[in-house]
Structures are given as structure tokens and as C-alpha cells.
Amino acid sequence: MNHRLEDVIALFDGLFQARYNTRLVRGGDEPLYRPADARCPYHRVIFARGFYASALHEISHWCIAGKRRRRLEDYGYWYLPDGRDAEQQRRFEAAEVAPQALELLFSRACGLRFHVSVDNLGGSVEVDRGAFTARVEARAARYNRDGLPSRAAAFRTALLAFYTHGEPLSRAVKVGLGTFDQACSSDSHACLPS
């Protein structure tokens, strides 16, 4: 299966550009979320180095971030690079379970292999990748059972329409928007734009 960056960008922008003034942008070495400012009139979900998996991961963070956090650079989160101690790694993993669970579901929706990221190559603590993987999978199962956040549900629906059902991009976006509108009709707070 061909995973072109132009396709995932078109799906994301088609779903969220008009309603949330947010676009998916190919970036450099580091991913980042930037709210609109004087230099750029729209919010940017910036993924690293043109990697498709990075795009899905950054979209996952955006799908979880609430209205207040979407006004802050990188949603106001802390991030320590590789080399975290045990407590810092525990906090990192706690913050990453939900977005990586969404990333897992997005990856499955488009037929892409998913790998958890523990991001601590030079750390002083041994990372239990298997335990973290189990936590991510359990959270994904809970999302499947209890429902995804509205933006995540819309995005996964669009991915499934395009990659699994072979719909053209425009139709996949329309199907995703239908899922989003349905979620918003039952929980209008979950669908507030930034």
C-alpha cells in the first residue's frame, strides 16, 4: 500500500482546516504544534522530516488536545529529549499512552505498521517496551469499546474510507465529516473550534 504524505495532509486539512483553522505541515527534525500568530494565520500540526508515522503521531496529540491547550505552543506540554531518568520516563510514558493508542488505531486504519515509541535512547533507566506496548494496546481497546474523541473518530473514518474502502480523497473527507457531525450532535462541547 502506498502511503503518500500528500494524501494524509489532504485528509487532515479537508477535515479540519475550515472548522479549526488548522493544517498539517511537513517539518524538519522536530515535530511541533504552533498556534496561529502574527506570522501565520492558521494553526500548524508540524510533523518531523516527512515521516508518515510522525504525521499520524502528531495528529493523535492534536485530536486529544482541548481548546485551551490548542492555543499553546506544543499544547503547553513539557518534553525532555533522550536521556530521561526513571521519574521523567514514567511521566513521559503516562503522557504518551493515549496519543500512541490513537496512533495505533490510525495506523491500523491505513494499513501501516505501528511501533510504540519510548524515546529514551540515552537514558539512565531500563525501559520496559513490552509493558508500555501493553498499556498502549489496552488504551486502544478502550477507545474501540468506549469511543474515540470526536476529531479522532472523524480522522480514523476518513483513513478507513480512503485506505480500506478505496474511496477518493474528497469522498473520504466527506465520510469523515459525517462522522464528526454525528459526534458533535451528541456532544457539542467535544467539537468546539479553537
C-alpha atoms as a PDB file:
ATOM      1  CA  MET A   1       0.000   0.000   0.000  1.00  0.00           C
ATOM      2  CA  ASN A   2       1.269   3.444  -0.875  1.00  0.00           C
ATOM      3  CA  HIS A   3       1.315   5.962   1.980  1.00  0.00           C
ATOM      4  CA  ARG A   4       1.821   9.334   0.368  1.00  0.00           C
ATOM      5  CA  LEU A   5       2.244  12.385   2.578  1.00  0.00           C
ATOM      6  CA  GLU A   6       0.079  14.405   0.217  1.00  0.00           C
ATOM      7  CA  ASP A   7      -2.829  12.067   0.975  1.00  0.00           C
ATOM      8  CA  VAL A   8      -2.653  12.275   4.764  1.00  0.00           C
ATOM      9  CA  ILE A   9      -2.231  16.048   4.516  1.00  0.00           C
ATOM     10  CA  ALA A  10      -5.262  16.289   2.218  1.00  0.00           C
ATOM     11  CA  LEU A  11      -7.362  14.160   4.583  1.00  0.00           C
ATOM     12  CA  PHE A  12      -6.389  16.148   7.675  1.00  0.00           C
ATOM     13  CA  ASP A  13      -6.740  19.553   6.029  1.00  0.00           C
ATOM     14  CA  GLY A  14     -10.015  18.538   4.392  1.00  0.00           C
ATOM     15  CA  LEU A  15     -11.451  17.596   7.767  1.00  0.00           C
ATOM     16  CA  PHE A  16     -10.057  20.328   9.985  1.00  0.00           C
ATOM     17  CA  GLN A  17      -8.788  23.352   8.074  1.00  0.00           C
ATOM     18  CA  ALA A  18     -12.157  25.085   7.699  1.00  0.00           C
ATOM     19  CA  ARG A  19     -13.585  24.139  11.109  1.00  0.00           C
ATOM     20  CA  TYR A  20     -10.452  24.510  13.251  1.00  0.00           C
ATOM     21  CA  ASN A  21      -8.220  26.749  11.128  1.00  0.00           C
ATOM     22  CA  THR A  22      -5.601  24.004  11.446  1.00  0.00           C
ATOM     23  CA  ARG A  23      -3.336  22.454   8.835  1.00  0.00           C
ATOM     24  CA  LEU A  24      -0.928  19.515   8.784  1.00  0.00           C
ATOM     25  CA  VAL A  25       2.569  20.675   7.778  1.00  0.00           C
ATOM     26  CA  ARG A  26       5.725  18.786   6.864  1.00  0.00           C
ATOM     27  CA  GLY A  27       8.564  19.997   9.104  1.00  0.00           C
ATOM     28  CA  GLY A  28      12.227  19.474   9.871  1.00  0.00           C
ATOM     29  CA  ASP A  29      13.921  17.411  12.557  1.00  0.00           C
ATOM     30  CA  GLU A  30      11.467  18.001  15.393  1.00  0.00           C
ATOM     31  CA  PRO A  31       7.670  17.830  15.423  1.00  0.00           C
ATOM     32  CA  LEU A  32       5.823  20.769  16.927  1.00  0.00           C
ATOM     33  CA  TYR A  33       2.371  22.267  17.277  1.00  0.00           C
ATOM     34  CA  ARG A  34       2.180  26.015  16.643  1.00  0.00           C
ATOM     35  CA  PRO A  35      -0.975  28.042  17.152  1.00  0.00           C
ATOM     36  CA  ALA A  36      -1.778  30.819  14.697  1.00  0.00           C
ATOM     37  CA  ASP A  37       0.165  34.016  15.292  1.00  0.00           C
ATOM     38  CA  ALA A  38       1.087  37.288  13.586  1.00  0.00           C
ATOM     39  CA  ARG A  39       3.312  35.449  11.083  1.00  0.00           C
ATOM     40  CA  CYS A  40       0.929  32.611  10.234  1.00  0.00           C
ATOM     41  CA  PRO A  41      -2.872  32.953  10.193  1.00  0.00           C
ATOM     42  CA  TYR A  42      -3.585  29.236  10.848  1.00  0.00           C
ATOM     43  CA  HIS A  43      -2.620  26.646  13.473  1.00  0.00           C
ATOM     44  CA  ARG A  44       0.014  24.106  12.395  1.00  0.00           C
ATOM     45  CA  VAL A  45       0.448  20.464  13.320  1.00  0.00           C
ATOM     46  CA  ILE A  46       4.057  20.064  12.193  1.00  0.00           C
ATOM     47  CA  PHE A  47       5.376  16.531  11.730  1.00  0.00           C
ATOM     48  CA  ALA A  48       9.044  15.520  11.525  1.00  0.00           C
ATOM     49  CA  ARG A  49      11.093  15.034   8.368  1.00  0.00           C
ATOM     50  CA  GLY A  50       8.274  13.966   6.132  1.00  0.00           C
ATOM     51  CA  PHE A  51       7.657  10.706   8.003  1.00  0.00           C
ATOM     52  CA  TYR A  52       4.140   9.348   7.617  1.00  0.00           C
ATOM     53  CA  ALA A  53       4.217   7.786  11.102  1.00  0.00           C
ATOM     54  CA  SER A  54       5.261  11.140  12.579  1.00  0.00           C
ATOM     55  CA  ALA A  55       2.247  12.751  10.900  1.00  0.00           C
ATOM     56  CA  LEU A  56      -0.084  10.179  12.484  1.00  0.00           C
ATOM     57  CA  HIS A  57       1.551  10.660  15.889  1.00  0.00           C
ATOM     58  CA  GLU A  58       1.270  14.446  15.816  1.00  0.00           C
ATOM     59  CA  ILE A  59      -2.328  14.239  14.611  1.00  0.00           C
ATOM     60  CA  SER A  60      -3.012  11.964  17.600  1.00  0.00           C
ATOM     61  CA  HIS A  61      -1.768  14.630  20.004  1.00  0.00           C
ATOM     62  CA  TRP A  62      -3.912  17.258  18.271  1.00  0.00           C
ATOM     63  CA  CYS A  63      -7.013  15.053  18.431  1.00  0.00           C
ATOM     64  CA  ILE A  64      -6.678  14.852  22.225  1.00  0.00           C
ATOM     65  CA  ALA A  65      -5.736  18.466  22.952  1.00  0.00           C
ATOM     66  CA  GLY A  66      -8.584  20.585  24.263  1.00  0.00           C
ATOM     67  CA  LYS A  67      -9.428  24.119  23.192  1.00  0.00           C
ATOM     68  CA  ARG A  68      -7.185  25.756  25.824  1.00  0.00           C
ATOM     69  CA  ARG A  69      -4.178  23.573  25.003  1.00  0.00           C
ATOM     70  CA  ARG A  70      -4.581  24.222  21.273  1.00  0.00           C
ATOM     71  CA  ARG A  71      -3.835  27.890  21.992  1.00  0.00           C
ATOM     72  CA  LEU A  72      -0.375  26.993  23.386  1.00  0.00           C
ATOM     73  CA  GLU A  73       2.784  26.069  21.517  1.00  0.00           C
ATOM     74  CA  ASP A  74       3.203  22.293  21.682  1.00  0.00           C
ATOM     75  CA  TYR A  75      -0.050  22.288  23.699  1.00  0.00           C
ATOM     76  CA  GLY A  76       1.895  23.582  26.718  1.00  0.00           C
ATOM     77  CA  TYR A  77       3.462  20.167  27.324  1.00  0.00           C
ATOM     78  CA  TRP A  78       6.976  19.636  28.608  1.00  0.00           C
ATOM     79  CA  TYR A  79       9.280  17.446  26.613  1.00  0.00           C
ATOM     80  CA  LEU A  80      12.653  16.192  27.688  1.00  0.00           C
ATOM     81  CA  PRO A  81      14.792  14.633  24.964  1.00  0.00           C
ATOM     82  CA  ASP A  82      16.527  11.271  25.247  1.00  0.00           C
ATOM     83  CA  GLY A  83      18.378  10.770  28.484  1.00  0.00           C
ATOM     84  CA  ARG A  84      15.481  10.878  30.962  1.00  0.00           C
ATOM     85  CA  ASP A  85      15.765   9.430  34.464  1.00  0.00           C
ATOM     86  CA  ALA A  86      13.210   6.930  35.832  1.00  0.00           C
ATOM     87  CA  GLU A  87      10.683   9.538  37.061  1.00  0.00           C
ATOM     88  CA  GLN A  88      10.951  11.592  33.876  1.00  0.00           C
ATOM     89  CA  GLN A  89      10.455   8.428  31.799  1.00  0.00           C
ATOM     90  CA  ARG A  90       7.422   7.428  33.884  1.00  0.00           C
ATOM     91  CA  ARG A  91       5.857  10.864  33.255  1.00  0.00           C
ATOM     92  CA  PHE A  92       6.699  10.667  29.542  1.00  0.00           C
ATOM     93  CA  GLU A  93       5.029   7.274  29.197  1.00  0.00           C
ATOM     94  CA  ALA A  94       1.965   8.388  31.172  1.00  0.00           C
ATOM     95  CA  ALA A  95       1.530  11.345  28.801  1.00  0.00           C
ATOM     96  CA  GLU A  96       2.097   9.196  25.701  1.00  0.00           C
ATOM     97  CA  VAL A  97      -0.289   6.273  26.302  1.00  0.00           C
ATOM     98  CA  ALA A  98      -3.409   7.971  24.899  1.00  0.00           C
ATOM     99  CA  PRO A  99      -1.826   9.588  21.819  1.00  0.00           C
ATOM    100  CA  GLN A 100       0.061   6.420  20.952  1.00  0.00           C
ATOM    101  CA  ALA A 101      -3.163   4.415  21.332  1.00  0.00           C
ATOM    102  CA  LEU A 102      -4.795   6.730  18.773  1.00  0.00           C
ATOM    103  CA  GLU A 103      -1.728   6.455  16.553  1.00  0.00           C
ATOM    104  CA  LEU A 104      -2.068   2.658  16.736  1.00  0.00           C
ATOM    105  CA  LEU A 105      -5.707   2.893  15.617  1.00  0.00           C
ATOM    106  CA  PHE A 106      -4.842   5.354  12.840  1.00  0.00           C
ATOM    107  CA  SER A 107      -2.010   3.089  11.662  1.00  0.00           C
ATOM    108  CA  ARG A 108      -4.331   0.098  11.518  1.00  0.00           C
ATOM    109  CA  ALA A 109      -6.923   2.144   9.628  1.00  0.00           C
ATOM    110  CA  CYS A 110      -4.471   2.880   6.841  1.00  0.00           C
ATOM    111  CA  GLY A 111      -2.619  -0.454   6.859  1.00  0.00           C
ATOM    112  CA  LEU A 112       0.608   0.929   8.290  1.00  0.00           C
ATOM    113  CA  ARG A 113       2.693  -0.972  10.809  1.00  0.00           C
ATOM    114  CA  PHE A 114       2.767   0.655  14.249  1.00  0.00           C
ATOM    115  CA  HIS A 115       5.707   0.766  16.662  1.00  0.00           C
ATOM    116  CA  VAL A 116       5.472   2.243  20.147  1.00  0.00           C
ATOM    117  CA  SER A 117       7.961   4.967  20.909  1.00  0.00           C
ATOM    118  CA  VAL A 118       9.602   5.141  24.319  1.00  0.00           C
ATOM    119  CA  ASP A 119      12.086   7.819  23.147  1.00  0.00           C
ATOM    120  CA  ASN A 120      14.817   7.391  25.738  1.00  0.00           C
ATOM    121  CA  LEU A 121      17.880   6.075  23.938  1.00  0.00           C
ATOM    122  CA  GLY A 122      20.489   7.656  26.217  1.00  0.00           C
ATOM    123  CA  GLY A 123      18.531   7.407  29.449  1.00  0.00           C
ATOM    124  CA  SER A 124      19.805   6.054  32.725  1.00  0.00           C
ATOM    125  CA  VAL A 125      16.790   3.796  33.162  1.00  0.00           C
ATOM    126  CA  GLU A 126      15.930   0.491  31.512  1.00  0.00           C
ATOM    127  CA  VAL A 127      12.704   0.926  29.561  1.00  0.00           C
ATOM    128  CA  ASP A 128      10.174  -1.904  29.573  1.00  0.00           C
ATOM    129  CA  ARG A 129       8.979  -1.629  25.976  1.00  0.00           C
ATOM    130  CA  GLY A 130       6.711  -4.659  26.354  1.00  0.00           C
ATOM    131  CA  ALA A 131       4.864  -3.209  29.352  1.00  0.00           C
ATOM    132  CA  PHE A 132       4.428   0.136  27.594  1.00  0.00           C
ATOM    133  CA  THR A 133       3.188  -1.611  24.450  1.00  0.00           C
ATOM    134  CA  ALA A 134       0.608  -3.473  26.548  1.00  0.00           C
ATOM    135  CA  ARG A 135      -0.604  -0.196  28.082  1.00  0.00           C
ATOM    136  CA  VAL A 136      -0.927   1.403  24.631  1.00  0.00           C
ATOM    137  CA  GLU A 137      -2.828  -1.614  23.270  1.00  0.00           C
ATOM    138  CA  ALA A 138      -5.150  -1.646  26.297  1.00  0.00           C
ATOM    139  CA  ARG A 139      -5.904   2.056  25.812  1.00  0.00           C
ATOM    140  CA  ALA A 140      -6.604   1.464  22.104  1.00  0.00           C
ATOM    141  CA  ALA A 141      -9.002  -1.344  23.052  1.00  0.00           C
ATOM    142  CA  ARG A 142     -10.737   1.023  25.484  1.00  0.00           C
ATOM    143  CA  TYR A 143     -11.082   3.636  22.711  1.00  0.00           C
ATOM    144  CA  ASN A 144     -12.624   0.973  20.470  1.00  0.00           C
ATOM    145  CA  ARG A 145     -15.034  -0.063  23.229  1.00  0.00           C
ATOM    146  CA  ASP A 146     -15.980   3.382  24.591  1.00  0.00           C
ATOM    147  CA  GLY A 147     -15.496   5.558  21.513  1.00  0.00           C
ATOM    148  CA  LEU A 148     -12.790   7.853  20.214  1.00  0.00           C
ATOM    149  CA  PRO A 149     -12.637  11.611  20.745  1.00  0.00           C
ATOM    150  CA  SER A 150     -14.722  13.270  18.003  1.00  0.00           C
ATOM    151  CA  ARG A 151     -11.811  14.579  15.906  1.00  0.00           C
ATOM    152  CA  ALA A 152     -10.008  11.234  16.175  1.00  0.00           C
ATOM    153  CA  ALA A 153     -13.145   9.348  15.142  1.00  0.00           C
ATOM    154  CA  ALA A 154     -13.553  11.583  12.091  1.00  0.00           C
ATOM    155  CA  PHE A 155      -9.917  11.165  11.091  1.00  0.00           C
ATOM    156  CA  ARG A 156      -9.970   7.372  11.516  1.00  0.00           C
ATOM    157  CA  THR A 157     -13.185   7.182   9.486  1.00  0.00           C
ATOM    158  CA  ALA A 158     -11.537   9.170   6.672  1.00  0.00           C
ATOM    159  CA  LEU A 159      -8.447   6.928   6.781  1.00  0.00           C
ATOM    160  CA  LEU A 160     -10.607   3.804   6.586  1.00  0.00           C
ATOM    161  CA  ALA A 161     -12.642   5.222   3.710  1.00  0.00           C
ATOM    162  CA  PHE A 162      -9.530   6.103   1.719  1.00  0.00           C
ATOM    163  CA  TYR A 163      -7.188   3.200   2.503  1.00  0.00           C
ATOM    164  CA  THR A 164      -9.521   0.302   3.234  1.00  0.00           C
ATOM    165  CA  HIS A 165     -12.554   1.077   1.087  1.00  0.00           C
ATOM    166  CA  GLY A 166     -10.692   2.791  -1.764  1.00  0.00           C
ATOM    167  CA  GLU A 167     -12.768   5.967  -1.733  1.00  0.00           C
ATOM    168  CA  PRO A 168     -11.280   9.030  -3.444  1.00  0.00           C
ATOM    169  CA  LEU A 169      -9.864  11.690  -1.121  1.00  0.00           C
ATOM    170  CA  SER A 170     -12.857  14.005  -1.499  1.00  0.00           C
ATOM    171  CA  ARG A 171     -15.312  11.223  -0.613  1.00  0.00           C
ATOM    172  CA  ALA A 172     -13.138  10.050   2.325  1.00  0.00           C
ATOM    173  CA  VAL A 173     -13.156  13.602   3.713  1.00  0.00           C
ATOM    174  CA  LYS A 174     -16.933  13.792   3.290  1.00  0.00           C
ATOM    175  CA  VAL A 175     -17.417  10.494   5.141  1.00  0.00           C
ATOM    176  CA  GLY A 176     -15.102  11.706   7.930  1.00  0.00           C
ATOM    177  CA  LEU A 177     -17.017  14.966   8.206  1.00  0.00           C
ATOM    178  CA  GLY A 178     -20.238  12.973   8.533  1.00  0.00           C
ATOM    179  CA  THR A 179     -18.753  11.069  11.468  1.00  0.00           C
ATOM    180  CA  PHE A 180     -17.618  14.346  13.002  1.00  0.00           C
ATOM    181  CA  ASP A 181     -21.038  15.980  12.589  1.00  0.00           C
ATOM    182  CA  GLN A 182     -22.727  12.961  14.145  1.00  0.00           C
ATOM    183  CA  ALA A 183     -20.375  13.086  17.164  1.00  0.00           C
ATOM    184  CA  CYS A 184     -20.923  16.823  17.520  1.00  0.00           C
ATOM    185  CA  SER A 185     -24.687  16.464  17.541  1.00  0.00           C
ATOM    186  CA  SER A 186     -24.447  14.228  20.604  1.00  0.00           C
ATOM    187  CA  ASP A 187     -21.680  16.194  22.403  1.00  0.00           C
ATOM    188  CA  SER A 188     -21.310  19.777  21.202  1.00  0.00           C
ATOM    189  CA  HIS A 189     -18.591  20.550  23.803  1.00  0.00           C
ATOM    190  CA  ALA A 190     -16.290  17.993  22.176  1.00  0.00           C
ATOM    191  CA  CYS A 191     -16.429  19.840  18.864  1.00  0.00           C
ATOM    192  CA  LEU A 192     -15.663  23.414  19.822  1.00  0.00           C
ATOM    193  CA  PRO A 193     -13.254  25.083  17.392  1.00  0.00           C
ATOM    194  CA  SER A 194     -10.148  26.835  18.664  1.00  0.00           C
END
